[in-house]
Amino acid sequence: MQLQNFERLEEKIKKAVELIDRLREENQQITSSYRKLEDQVSNFEKNSENLSREAERLKNELSIKERDFIEKKKEVKRRLSKLLEKLVRFEAESGRF
């Protein structure tokens, strides 16, 4: 009877050791996956920061170009207005003769 108890105990210990080995392997796989995911998150955060900086730079560049465009548009209007005034005066003077 004691031999049977010992054999059952031995079998339970073998199963426990096998279970521990499987759990260690799973733990290593999970740890490895976790580290990879941490690296990916870190890379995503860096990319996000870079994209945010780039977006801010482009927004500032667009703002500068928009101001330049508005100034050039005002200059073109001013010059066209002067040309129209000259044309009107020319027509008025030409009509006198």
Protein backbone atom coordinates (compact mmCIF):
# COMPACT_ATOMS: atom_id res chain seq x y z
CA MET A 1 0.00 0.00 0.00
CA GLN A 2 2.78 2.40 0.81
CA LEU A 3 4.39 1.66 -2.52
CA GLN A 4 1.21 2.62 -4.34
CA ASN A 5 0.99 5.84 -2.34
CA PHE A 6 4.60 6.58 -3.17
CA GLU A 7 4.00 5.90 -6.90
CA ARG A 8 0.94 8.21 -6.90
CA LEU A 9 2.96 10.87 -5.13
CA GLU A 10 5.76 10.40 -7.65
CA GLU A 11 3.27 10.73 -10.54
CA LYS A 12 1.77 13.89 -9.03
CA ILE A 13 5.25 15.37 -8.60
CA LYS A 14 6.12 14.57 -12.25
CA LYS A 15 2.92 16.25 -13.40
CA ALA A 16 3.62 19.26 -11.18
CA VAL A 17 7.17 19.56 -12.60
CA GLU A 18 5.80 19.32 -16.16
CA LEU A 19 3.22 21.97 -15.34
CA ILE A 20 5.89 24.23 -13.84
CA ASP A 21 8.05 23.78 -16.96
CA ARG A 22 5.11 24.67 -19.24
CA LEU A 23 4.25 27.67 -17.12
CA ARG A 24 7.86 28.87 -17.22
CA GLU A 25 7.89 28.59 -21.02
CA GLU A 26 4.59 30.47 -21.25
CA ASN A 27 5.91 33.10 -18.87
CA GLN A 28 9.01 33.56 -21.06
CA GLN A 29 6.85 33.88 -24.17
CA ILE A 30 4.54 36.37 -22.47
CA THR A 31 7.51 38.35 -21.16
CA SER A 32 9.05 38.42 -24.63
CA SER A 33 5.78 39.54 -26.20
CA TYR A 34 5.37 42.19 -23.52
CA ARG A 35 8.84 43.58 -24.22
CA LYS A 36 8.13 43.69 -27.95
CA LEU A 37 4.88 45.53 -27.30
CA GLU A 38 6.67 47.97 -24.99
CA ASP A 39 9.17 48.67 -27.79
CA GLN A 40 6.33 49.21 -30.26
CA VAL A 41 4.55 51.57 -27.90
CA SER A 42 7.78 53.49 -27.39
CA ASN A 43 8.29 53.75 -31.15
CA PHE A 44 4.68 54.87 -31.66
CA GLU A 45 5.11 57.54 -29.00
CA LYS A 46 8.32 58.80 -30.63
CA ASN A 47 6.64 58.82 -34.04
CA SER A 48 3.64 60.63 -32.61
CA GLU A 49 5.89 63.28 -31.07
CA ASN A 50 7.78 63.68 -34.35
CA LEU A 51 4.53 63.97 -36.30
CA SER A 52 3.19 66.53 -33.84
CA ARG A 53 6.33 68.63 -34.23
CA GLU A 54 6.15 68.31 -38.01
CA ALA A 55 2.46 69.29 -38.01
CA GLU A 56 3.25 72.36 -35.89
CA ARG A 57 6.11 73.31 -38.21
CA LEU A 58 3.88 72.96 -41.27
CA LYS A 59 1.11 74.94 -39.60
CA ASN A 60 3.55 77.77 -38.90
CA GLU A 61 4.90 77.60 -42.44
CA LEU A 62 1.37 77.74 -43.82
CA SER A 63 0.57 80.73 -41.65
CA ILE A 64 3.64 82.57 -42.95
CA LYS A 65 2.78 81.73 -46.55
CA GLU A 66 -0.81 82.83 -46.01
CA ARG A 67 0.34 86.21 -44.66
CA ASP A 68 2.72 86.58 -47.62
CA PHE A 69 -0.10 85.74 -50.02
CA ILE A 70 -2.40 88.31 -48.41
CA GLU A 71 0.28 90.97 -48.63
CA LYS A 72 0.97 90.16 -52.28
CA LYS A 73 -2.75 90.19 -53.02
CA LYS A 74 -3.03 93.65 -51.44
CA GLU A 75 -0.06 94.83 -53.51
CA VAL A 76 -1.61 93.50 -56.72
CA LYS A 77 -4.93 95.22 -55.90
CA ARG A 78 -3.12 98.46 -55.15
CA ARG A 79 -1.18 98.32 -58.42
CA LEU A 80 -4.27 97.38 -60.43
CA SER A 81 -6.14 100.26 -58.86
CA LYS A 82 -3.39 102.67 -59.89
CA LEU A 83 -3.38 101.27 -63.42
CA LEU A 84 -7.16 101.62 -63.64
CA GLU A 85 -6.92 105.20 -62.43
CA LYS A 86 -4.34 105.92 -65.12
CA LEU A 87 -6.53 104.25 -67.73
CA VAL A 88 -9.58 106.27 -66.67
CA ARG A 89 -7.54 109.50 -66.80
CA PHE A 90 -6.14 108.54 -70.20
CA GLU A 91 -9.63 107.86 -71.56
CA ALA A 92 -10.91 111.11 -70.12
CA GLU A 93 -8.04 113.04 -71.68
CA SER A 94 -8.41 111.18 -74.97
CA GLY A 95 -12.07 112.06 -75.12
CA ARG A 96 -11.29 115.77 -75.02
CA PHE A 97 -9.42 115.80 -78.29
